[in-house]
Amino acid sequence: MKGREAMGQLAQKVKASMERYRLVWLVILAGLLLLLLPTGGKEREAPEETEPTQSAFDLAATEARLSQALSKIHGAGEVTVVLTVANSPLQVLAEDVDRDADDSRKKTQTVVLSKGGGSQETVTVQEVYPRYQGALLVCAGGDDPEVRLQLTQAMSALTGLGADKISISRGK
């Protein structure tokens, strides 16, 4: 019976303290509830590793998109596009330049961002996409002057090439 009496006395003390320190108990209860709530965040996944020199420009994908679009021109049939570029894609990286007071010596370093987990990433200031040099289009309707004109105008509008840089041939 001593255990029950002790529990009864403890319950009375807790009840008395709850009446007296009601706000303190409410804050403690609210804190416990907040601790039990899920945060909603998933575990952080490691960021995907990408090469800093890899560019978003993909010549094969560009040719495929152009082929698909130009094939929809009436009378052209299936169009195969081959593009040539004058230069490769280029990324201009951010640099930190330190100069002496008399500007006689200059020290240049590429800016690198350190991320968690020991990974580092360069800071790209500008991406220079390649300039198109010429285009070859092969299609079934390549001998029709009207189709040739439409294809030339479309390629010129999409690539910025002049008509003298676009060659259209009849295919099978």
N, C-alpha and C. Protein backbone atom coordinates (compact mmCIF):
# COMPACT_ATOMS: atom_id res chain seq x y z
N MET A 1 0.80 -1.19 0.00
CA MET A 1 0.00 0.00 0.00
C MET A 1 0.85 1.26 0.00
N LYS A 2 2.07 1.11 0.46
CA LYS A 2 2.93 2.28 0.50
C LYS A 2 3.17 2.80 -0.92
N GLY A 3 3.26 1.90 -1.90
CA GLY A 3 3.49 2.31 -3.28
C GLY A 3 2.32 3.10 -3.84
N ARG A 4 1.11 2.65 -3.50
CA ARG A 4 -0.06 3.36 -4.00
C ARG A 4 -0.19 4.73 -3.34
N GLU A 5 0.11 4.77 -2.06
CA GLU A 5 0.03 6.06 -1.35
C GLU A 5 1.07 7.03 -1.92
N ALA A 6 2.27 6.49 -2.23
CA ALA A 6 3.32 7.35 -2.77
C ALA A 6 2.92 7.86 -4.16
N MET A 7 2.32 7.01 -4.96
CA MET A 7 1.87 7.42 -6.29
C MET A 7 0.75 8.45 -6.18
N GLY A 8 -0.14 8.28 -5.23
CA GLY A 8 -1.23 9.23 -5.03
C GLY A 8 -0.69 10.59 -4.62
N GLN A 9 0.31 10.59 -3.71
CA GLN A 9 0.91 11.86 -3.28
C GLN A 9 1.64 12.53 -4.45
N LEU A 10 2.33 11.71 -5.24
CA LEU A 10 3.06 12.26 -6.39
C LEU A 10 2.07 12.87 -7.40
N ALA A 11 0.95 12.20 -7.62
CA ALA A 11 -0.06 12.70 -8.54
C ALA A 11 -0.63 14.01 -8.04
N GLN A 12 -0.84 14.13 -6.74
CA GLN A 12 -1.37 15.37 -6.17
C GLN A 12 -0.36 16.51 -6.32
N LYS A 13 0.93 16.20 -6.15
CA LYS A 13 1.97 17.23 -6.27
C LYS A 13 2.06 17.72 -7.73
N VAL A 14 1.98 16.76 -8.67
CA VAL A 14 2.03 17.12 -10.09
C VAL A 14 0.82 17.97 -10.44
N LYS A 15 -0.36 17.59 -9.93
CA LYS A 15 -1.58 18.33 -10.21
C LYS A 15 -1.49 19.75 -9.64
N ALA A 16 -0.93 19.87 -8.45
CA ALA A 16 -0.77 21.19 -7.83
C ALA A 16 0.23 22.03 -8.62
N SER A 17 1.33 21.39 -9.07
CA SER A 17 2.33 22.16 -9.82
C SER A 17 1.77 22.54 -11.20
N MET A 18 0.89 21.72 -11.75
CA MET A 18 0.30 22.05 -13.03
C MET A 18 -0.61 23.27 -12.91
N GLU A 19 -1.31 23.37 -11.81
CA GLU A 19 -2.18 24.53 -11.62
C GLU A 19 -1.33 25.78 -11.39
N ARG A 20 -0.25 25.62 -10.65
CA ARG A 20 0.58 26.75 -10.29
C ARG A 20 1.48 27.20 -11.45
N TYR A 21 2.06 26.23 -12.16
CA TYR A 21 2.99 26.52 -13.25
C TYR A 21 2.40 26.11 -14.60
N ARG A 22 1.18 26.49 -14.84
CA ARG A 22 0.47 26.09 -16.04
C ARG A 22 1.21 26.51 -17.32
N LEU A 23 1.69 27.73 -17.41
CA LEU A 23 2.36 28.22 -18.60
C LEU A 23 3.68 27.47 -18.85
N VAL A 24 4.40 27.17 -17.79
CA VAL A 24 5.67 26.45 -17.93
C VAL A 24 5.39 25.06 -18.49
N TRP A 25 4.37 24.40 -17.99
CA TRP A 25 4.03 23.07 -18.48
C TRP A 25 3.56 23.11 -19.94
N LEU A 26 2.83 24.16 -20.31
CA LEU A 26 2.39 24.31 -21.70
C LEU A 26 3.59 24.48 -22.64
N VAL A 27 4.58 25.26 -22.23
CA VAL A 27 5.77 25.46 -23.05
C VAL A 27 6.54 24.15 -23.19
N ILE A 28 6.67 23.40 -22.09
CA ILE A 28 7.37 22.12 -22.13
C ILE A 28 6.62 21.14 -23.05
N LEU A 29 5.31 21.09 -22.93
CA LEU A 29 4.51 20.21 -23.77
C LEU A 29 4.62 20.60 -25.25
N ALA A 30 4.58 21.90 -25.54
CA ALA A 30 4.71 22.36 -26.92
C ALA A 30 6.10 21.99 -27.48
N GLY A 31 7.12 22.12 -26.68
CA GLY A 31 8.47 21.75 -27.10
C GLY A 31 8.57 20.27 -27.41
N LEU A 32 7.98 19.43 -26.57
CA LEU A 32 7.99 17.99 -26.81
C LEU A 32 7.25 17.63 -28.09
N LEU A 33 6.12 18.29 -28.33
CA LEU A 33 5.37 18.04 -29.55
C LEU A 33 6.18 18.45 -30.79
N LEU A 34 6.87 19.58 -30.70
CA LEU A 34 7.69 20.01 -31.84
C LEU A 34 8.84 19.05 -32.10
N LEU A 35 9.39 18.47 -31.05
CA LEU A 35 10.46 17.50 -31.22
C LEU A 35 9.97 16.22 -31.90
N LEU A 36 8.73 15.89 -31.67
CA LEU A 36 8.18 14.66 -32.24
C LEU A 36 7.69 14.82 -33.68
N LEU A 37 7.46 16.07 -34.10
CA LEU A 37 6.98 16.28 -35.47
C LEU A 37 8.07 15.93 -36.46
N PRO A 38 7.69 15.32 -37.60
CA PRO A 38 8.70 15.03 -38.62
C PRO A 38 9.17 16.32 -39.28
N THR A 39 10.42 16.34 -39.68
CA THR A 39 10.98 17.55 -40.29
C THR A 39 10.60 17.67 -41.75
N GLY A 40 10.22 16.57 -42.39
CA GLY A 40 9.81 16.60 -43.78
C GLY A 40 10.97 16.53 -44.74
N GLY A 41 12.17 16.70 -44.26
CA GLY A 41 13.34 16.65 -45.14
C GLY A 41 13.85 15.23 -45.27
N LYS A 42 14.25 14.89 -46.47
CA LYS A 42 14.85 13.58 -46.68
C LYS A 42 16.32 13.69 -46.37
N GLU A 43 16.96 12.56 -46.25
CA GLU A 43 18.39 12.59 -46.05
C GLU A 43 19.04 13.22 -47.26
N ARG A 44 20.06 14.01 -47.00
CA ARG A 44 20.73 14.68 -48.10
C ARG A 44 21.43 13.67 -48.97
N GLU A 45 21.13 13.78 -50.25
CA GLU A 45 21.80 12.91 -51.19
C GLU A 45 23.04 13.61 -51.68
N ALA A 46 24.04 12.85 -52.02
CA ALA A 46 25.26 13.44 -52.55
C ALA A 46 24.95 14.07 -53.90
N PRO A 47 25.47 15.28 -54.16
CA PRO A 47 25.20 15.89 -55.45
C PRO A 47 25.84 15.09 -56.57
N GLU A 48 25.17 15.13 -57.71
CA GLU A 48 25.69 14.38 -58.84
C GLU A 48 27.01 14.98 -59.28
N GLU A 49 27.95 14.12 -59.55
CA GLU A 49 29.25 14.57 -60.01
C GLU A 49 29.16 14.90 -61.49
N THR A 50 29.52 16.11 -61.83
CA THR A 50 29.57 16.51 -63.23
C THR A 50 30.94 17.08 -63.51
N GLU A 51 31.39 16.86 -64.72
CA GLU A 51 32.67 17.42 -65.10
C GLU A 51 32.50 18.91 -65.31
N PRO A 52 33.40 19.73 -64.76
CA PRO A 52 33.25 21.17 -64.92
C PRO A 52 33.43 21.63 -66.36
N THR A 53 34.11 20.85 -67.18
CA THR A 53 34.32 21.27 -68.56
C THR A 53 33.22 20.77 -69.49
N GLN A 54 32.29 19.97 -68.96
CA GLN A 54 31.23 19.43 -69.80
C GLN A 54 30.24 20.55 -70.12
N SER A 55 29.89 20.67 -71.37
CA SER A 55 28.99 21.73 -71.80
C SER A 55 27.61 21.18 -72.08
N ALA A 56 26.62 22.06 -72.04
CA ALA A 56 25.25 21.64 -72.31
C ALA A 56 25.02 21.49 -73.82
N PHE A 57 25.96 21.92 -74.65
CA PHE A 57 25.81 21.84 -76.10
C PHE A 57 26.07 20.41 -76.55
N ASP A 58 25.12 19.86 -77.32
CA ASP A 58 25.25 18.51 -77.85
C ASP A 58 24.92 18.57 -79.34
N LEU A 59 25.95 18.43 -80.17
CA LEU A 59 25.78 18.57 -81.62
C LEU A 59 24.85 17.50 -82.18
N ALA A 60 25.00 16.26 -81.73
CA ALA A 60 24.15 15.17 -82.23
C ALA A 60 22.68 15.42 -81.89
N ALA A 61 22.42 15.89 -80.68
CA ALA A 61 21.03 16.17 -80.28
C ALA A 61 20.46 17.33 -81.10
N THR A 62 21.29 18.34 -81.37
CA THR A 62 20.85 19.47 -82.18
C THR A 62 20.51 19.02 -83.59
N GLU A 63 21.37 18.18 -84.15
CA GLU A 63 21.10 17.66 -85.50
C GLU A 63 19.81 16.84 -85.52
N ALA A 64 19.59 16.04 -84.49
CA ALA A 64 18.38 15.22 -84.44
C ALA A 64 17.12 16.09 -84.35
N ARG A 65 17.19 17.14 -83.53
CA ARG A 65 16.04 18.04 -83.40
C ARG A 65 15.75 18.76 -84.72
N LEU A 66 16.82 19.21 -85.38
CA LEU A 66 16.63 19.88 -86.67
C LEU A 66 16.06 18.91 -87.71
N SER A 67 16.57 17.68 -87.74
CA SER A 67 16.06 16.68 -88.69
C SER A 67 14.58 16.44 -88.48
N GLN A 68 14.20 16.32 -87.23
CA GLN A 68 12.79 16.07 -86.91
C GLN A 68 11.92 17.25 -87.33
N ALA A 69 12.37 18.46 -87.06
CA ALA A 69 11.57 19.64 -87.40
C ALA A 69 11.50 19.84 -88.92
N LEU A 70 12.63 19.69 -89.60
CA LEU A 70 12.64 19.93 -91.05
C LEU A 70 11.90 18.84 -91.82
N SER A 71 11.79 17.64 -91.26
CA SER A 71 11.06 16.56 -91.91
C SER A 71 9.57 16.86 -92.00
N LYS A 72 9.10 17.80 -91.23
CA LYS A 72 7.68 18.15 -91.24
C LYS A 72 7.33 19.13 -92.34
N ILE A 73 8.34 19.66 -93.04
CA ILE A 73 8.08 20.58 -94.16
C ILE A 73 7.48 19.77 -95.31
N HIS A 74 6.39 20.28 -95.88
CA HIS A 74 5.66 19.57 -96.93
C HIS A 74 6.56 19.34 -98.14
N GLY A 75 6.67 18.09 -98.55
CA GLY A 75 7.43 17.72 -99.72
C GLY A 75 8.88 17.36 -99.45
N ALA A 76 9.36 17.60 -98.23
CA ALA A 76 10.76 17.33 -97.93
C ALA A 76 11.02 15.85 -97.71
N GLY A 77 10.09 15.16 -97.09
CA GLY A 77 10.31 13.77 -96.72
C GLY A 77 11.19 13.71 -95.48
N GLU A 78 11.85 12.59 -95.30
CA GLU A 78 12.73 12.45 -94.15
C GLU A 78 14.03 13.22 -94.42
N VAL A 79 14.39 14.12 -93.48
CA VAL A 79 15.56 14.98 -93.66
C VAL A 79 16.66 14.54 -92.70
N THR A 80 17.87 14.41 -93.26
CA THR A 80 19.05 14.14 -92.45
C THR A 80 19.88 15.41 -92.44
N VAL A 81 20.27 15.86 -91.23
CA VAL A 81 21.02 17.10 -91.08
C VAL A 81 22.42 16.79 -90.56
N VAL A 82 23.42 17.39 -91.21
CA VAL A 82 24.80 17.31 -90.73
C VAL A 82 25.29 18.74 -90.57
N LEU A 83 25.72 19.08 -89.35
CA LEU A 83 26.22 20.43 -89.06
C LEU A 83 27.72 20.37 -88.80
N THR A 84 28.42 21.40 -89.23
CA THR A 84 29.82 21.54 -88.85
C THR A 84 29.94 22.81 -88.02
N VAL A 85 30.83 22.77 -87.06
CA VAL A 85 31.03 23.91 -86.17
C VAL A 85 32.45 24.44 -86.33
N ALA A 86 32.62 25.74 -86.16
CA ALA A 86 33.92 26.38 -86.34
C ALA A 86 34.81 26.20 -85.11
N ASN A 87 34.22 26.08 -83.94
CA ASN A 87 35.00 25.92 -82.71
C ASN A 87 34.24 25.04 -81.74
N SER A 88 34.92 24.56 -80.73
CA SER A 88 34.26 23.72 -79.73
C SER A 88 33.67 24.60 -78.64
N PRO A 89 32.75 24.06 -77.84
CA PRO A 89 32.18 24.85 -76.75
C PRO A 89 33.27 25.28 -75.77
N LEU A 90 33.10 26.44 -75.17
CA LEU A 90 34.11 27.01 -74.29
C LEU A 90 33.44 27.56 -73.05
N GLN A 91 34.06 27.32 -71.90
CA GLN A 91 33.57 27.89 -70.65
C GLN A 91 34.58 28.90 -70.16
N VAL A 92 34.11 30.09 -69.81
CA VAL A 92 34.97 31.12 -69.24
C VAL A 92 34.79 31.01 -67.73
N LEU A 93 35.88 30.70 -67.03
CA LEU A 93 35.84 30.49 -65.59
C LEU A 93 36.18 31.78 -64.85
N ALA A 94 35.61 31.94 -63.66
CA ALA A 94 35.90 33.09 -62.82
C ALA A 94 37.33 33.00 -62.33
N GLU A 95 38.02 34.15 -62.33
CA GLU A 95 39.40 34.18 -61.88
C GLU A 95 39.59 35.26 -60.83
N ASP A 96 40.49 34.99 -59.90
CA ASP A 96 40.86 35.94 -58.87
C ASP A 96 42.23 36.48 -59.24
N VAL A 97 42.32 37.79 -59.45
CA VAL A 97 43.57 38.40 -59.88
C VAL A 97 44.15 39.22 -58.74
N ASP A 98 45.39 38.90 -58.36
CA ASP A 98 46.13 39.67 -57.35
C ASP A 98 47.24 40.43 -58.06
N ARG A 99 47.30 41.74 -57.83
CA ARG A 99 48.33 42.57 -58.46
C ARG A 99 49.13 43.28 -57.38
N ASP A 100 50.39 43.50 -57.68
CA ASP A 100 51.23 44.29 -56.78
C ASP A 100 50.82 45.75 -56.90
N ALA A 101 51.29 46.55 -55.97
CA ALA A 101 50.94 47.97 -55.97
C ALA A 101 51.39 48.68 -57.24
N ASP A 102 52.51 48.26 -57.79
CA ASP A 102 53.02 48.92 -59.00
C ASP A 102 52.57 48.23 -60.28
N ASP A 103 51.68 47.27 -60.19
CA ASP A 103 51.11 46.53 -61.32
C ASP A 103 52.17 45.81 -62.16
N SER A 104 53.32 45.55 -61.57
CA SER A 104 54.35 44.87 -62.34
C SER A 104 54.15 43.36 -62.35
N ARG A 105 53.62 42.83 -61.27
CA ARG A 105 53.38 41.38 -61.21
C ARG A 105 51.89 41.12 -61.00
N LYS A 106 51.43 40.09 -61.66
CA LYS A 106 50.01 39.74 -61.58
C LYS A 106 49.92 38.25 -61.32
N LYS A 107 49.11 37.86 -60.34
CA LYS A 107 48.90 36.45 -60.01
C LYS A 107 47.42 36.13 -60.23
N THR A 108 47.15 35.12 -61.06
CA THR A 108 45.78 34.75 -61.40
C THR A 108 45.48 33.34 -60.90
N GLN A 109 44.34 33.18 -60.24
CA GLN A 109 43.88 31.87 -59.76
C GLN A 109 42.44 31.67 -60.17
N THR A 110 42.10 30.45 -60.55
CA THR A 110 40.71 30.11 -60.86
C THR A 110 39.92 30.00 -59.57
N VAL A 111 38.73 30.59 -59.53
CA VAL A 111 37.88 30.56 -58.35
C VAL A 111 37.25 29.18 -58.23
N VAL A 112 37.39 28.57 -57.05
CA VAL A 112 36.86 27.24 -56.79
C VAL A 112 35.97 27.30 -55.56
N LEU A 113 34.76 26.74 -55.67
CA LEU A 113 33.85 26.66 -54.54
C LEU A 113 34.01 25.30 -53.88
N SER A 114 34.17 25.29 -52.58
CA SER A 114 34.27 24.04 -51.84
C SER A 114 32.91 23.70 -51.29
N LYS A 115 32.47 22.50 -51.57
CA LYS A 115 31.18 22.04 -51.06
C LYS A 115 31.44 21.01 -49.99
N GLY A 116 30.41 20.65 -49.26
CA GLY A 116 30.54 19.64 -48.22
C GLY A 116 30.98 18.31 -48.80
N GLY A 117 31.68 17.54 -48.00
CA GLY A 117 32.10 16.22 -48.43
C GLY A 117 33.38 16.25 -49.26
N GLY A 118 34.09 17.37 -49.25
CA GLY A 118 35.35 17.44 -49.95
C GLY A 118 35.24 17.69 -51.44
N SER A 119 34.05 17.92 -51.97
CA SER A 119 33.92 18.16 -53.40
C SER A 119 34.14 19.64 -53.70
N GLN A 120 34.69 19.91 -54.86
CA GLN A 120 34.96 21.27 -55.28
C GLN A 120 34.37 21.50 -56.66
N GLU A 121 34.07 22.75 -56.95
CA GLU A 121 33.45 23.09 -58.23
C GLU A 121 33.96 24.45 -58.68
N THR A 122 34.31 24.57 -59.95
CA THR A 122 34.74 25.85 -60.48
C THR A 122 33.52 26.73 -60.75
N VAL A 123 33.75 28.03 -60.80
CA VAL A 123 32.68 28.98 -61.04
C VAL A 123 32.72 29.40 -62.50
N THR A 124 31.66 29.09 -63.24
CA THR A 124 31.58 29.44 -64.66
C THR A 124 30.92 30.80 -64.79
N VAL A 125 31.63 31.72 -65.47
CA VAL A 125 31.10 33.06 -65.68
C VAL A 125 30.29 33.13 -66.96
N GLN A 126 30.77 32.42 -68.00
CA GLN A 126 30.11 32.49 -69.29
C GLN A 126 30.37 31.20 -70.06
N GLU A 127 29.37 30.76 -70.81
CA GLU A 127 29.54 29.62 -71.71
C GLU A 127 29.42 30.13 -73.13
N VAL A 128 30.43 29.83 -73.93
CA VAL A 128 30.43 30.26 -75.33
C VAL A 128 30.14 29.03 -76.17
N TYR A 129 29.01 29.06 -76.85
CA TYR A 129 28.62 27.94 -77.69
C TYR A 129 29.33 28.04 -79.04
N PRO A 130 29.51 26.93 -79.70
CA PRO A 130 30.21 26.98 -80.99
C PRO A 130 29.40 27.71 -82.05
N ARG A 131 30.13 28.24 -83.01
CA ARG A 131 29.51 28.94 -84.14
C ARG A 131 29.40 27.93 -85.28
N TYR A 132 28.22 27.90 -85.90
CA TYR A 132 28.02 26.97 -87.01
C TYR A 132 28.81 27.44 -88.22
N GLN A 133 29.41 26.47 -88.91
CA GLN A 133 30.22 26.78 -90.08
C GLN A 133 29.49 26.43 -91.37
N GLY A 134 28.72 25.34 -91.34
CA GLY A 134 28.00 24.93 -92.52
C GLY A 134 27.01 23.83 -92.21
N ALA A 135 26.12 23.56 -93.17
CA ALA A 135 25.10 22.53 -92.97
C ALA A 135 24.85 21.79 -94.27
N LEU A 136 24.62 20.50 -94.12
CA LEU A 136 24.24 19.64 -95.24
C LEU A 136 22.90 19.02 -94.90
N LEU A 137 21.95 19.14 -95.82
CA LEU A 137 20.64 18.53 -95.66
C LEU A 137 20.43 17.55 -96.79
N VAL A 138 20.06 16.33 -96.45
CA VAL A 138 19.78 15.29 -97.45
C VAL A 138 18.33 14.86 -97.24
N CYS A 139 17.54 14.98 -98.32
CA CYS A 139 16.13 14.61 -98.20
C CYS A 139 15.60 14.18 -99.57
N ALA A 140 14.47 13.50 -99.56
CA ALA A 140 13.86 12.99 -100.79
C ALA A 140 13.40 14.13 -101.69
N GLY A 141 12.96 15.23 -101.12
CA GLY A 141 12.46 16.36 -101.90
C GLY A 141 13.53 17.39 -102.19
N GLY A 142 14.79 17.01 -102.11
CA GLY A 142 15.89 17.95 -102.27
C GLY A 142 16.06 18.52 -103.66
N ASP A 143 15.39 17.95 -104.66
CA ASP A 143 15.53 18.48 -106.02
C ASP A 143 14.41 19.47 -106.38
N ASP A 144 13.40 19.62 -105.53
CA ASP A 144 12.30 20.55 -105.76
C ASP A 144 12.72 21.95 -105.28
N PRO A 145 12.70 22.96 -106.18
CA PRO A 145 13.16 24.30 -105.81
C PRO A 145 12.37 24.93 -104.65
N GLU A 146 11.07 24.67 -104.60
CA GLU A 146 10.25 25.23 -103.52
C GLU A 146 10.63 24.63 -102.18
N VAL A 147 10.84 23.32 -102.15
CA VAL A 147 11.26 22.65 -100.91
C VAL A 147 12.65 23.12 -100.51
N ARG A 148 13.56 23.27 -101.48
CA ARG A 148 14.91 23.75 -101.20
C ARG A 148 14.87 25.14 -100.55
N LEU A 149 14.02 26.01 -101.09
CA LEU A 149 13.90 27.36 -100.54
C LEU A 149 13.39 27.33 -99.11
N GLN A 150 12.35 26.54 -98.87
CA GLN A 150 11.80 26.44 -97.51
C GLN A 150 12.83 25.88 -96.53
N LEU A 151 13.56 24.84 -96.97
CA LEU A 151 14.58 24.25 -96.09
C LEU A 151 15.71 25.24 -95.82
N THR A 152 16.13 25.96 -96.86
CA THR A 152 17.20 26.95 -96.69
C THR A 152 16.78 28.05 -95.72
N GLN A 153 15.57 28.55 -95.88
CA GLN A 153 15.08 29.61 -94.99
C GLN A 153 14.96 29.11 -93.55
N ALA A 154 14.47 27.89 -93.39
CA ALA A 154 14.33 27.33 -92.04
C ALA A 154 15.70 27.14 -91.37
N MET A 155 16.65 26.56 -92.11
CA MET A 155 17.99 26.35 -91.55
C MET A 155 18.67 27.67 -91.24
N SER A 156 18.49 28.64 -92.09
CA SER A 156 19.08 29.95 -91.86
C SER A 156 18.51 30.60 -90.60
N ALA A 157 17.21 30.46 -90.42
CA ALA A 157 16.56 31.04 -89.24
C ALA A 157 16.99 30.33 -87.96
N LEU A 158 17.17 29.02 -88.03
CA LEU A 158 17.50 28.25 -86.83
C LEU A 158 18.97 28.29 -86.45
N THR A 159 19.85 28.40 -87.44
CA THR A 159 21.29 28.31 -87.15
C THR A 159 22.02 29.62 -87.37
N GLY A 160 21.42 30.56 -88.08
CA GLY A 160 22.11 31.82 -88.37
C GLY A 160 23.04 31.72 -89.56
N LEU A 161 23.04 30.59 -90.25
CA LEU A 161 23.88 30.41 -91.42
C LEU A 161 23.26 31.12 -92.62
N GLY A 162 24.11 31.62 -93.51
CA GLY A 162 23.63 32.20 -94.75
C GLY A 162 23.29 31.10 -95.74
N ALA A 163 22.56 31.45 -96.79
CA ALA A 163 22.15 30.47 -97.79
C ALA A 163 23.35 29.83 -98.48
N ASP A 164 24.48 30.57 -98.56
CA ASP A 164 25.67 30.02 -99.21
C ASP A 164 26.38 28.97 -98.37
N LYS A 165 26.00 28.83 -97.10
CA LYS A 165 26.62 27.86 -96.20
C LYS A 165 25.73 26.63 -95.99
N ILE A 166 24.58 26.59 -96.66
CA ILE A 166 23.64 25.48 -96.53
C ILE A 166 23.56 24.75 -97.85
N SER A 167 23.87 23.45 -97.81
CA SER A 167 23.81 22.62 -99.01
C SER A 167 22.69 21.61 -98.87
N ILE A 168 21.83 21.52 -99.90
CA ILE A 168 20.69 20.61 -99.88
C ILE A 168 20.85 19.63 -101.04
N SER A 169 20.76 18.35 -100.72
CA SER A 169 20.91 17.32 -101.75
C SER A 169 19.71 16.38 -101.70
N ARG A 170 19.43 15.77 -102.86
CA ARG A 170 18.34 14.80 -102.94
C ARG A 170 18.89 13.46 -102.46
N GLY A 171 18.11 12.81 -101.62
CA GLY A 171 18.50 11.50 -101.10
C GLY A 171 17.56 10.43 -101.60
N LYS A 172 17.73 9.27 -101.08
CA LYS A 172 16.90 8.13 -101.48
C LYS A 172 15.54 8.19 -100.86
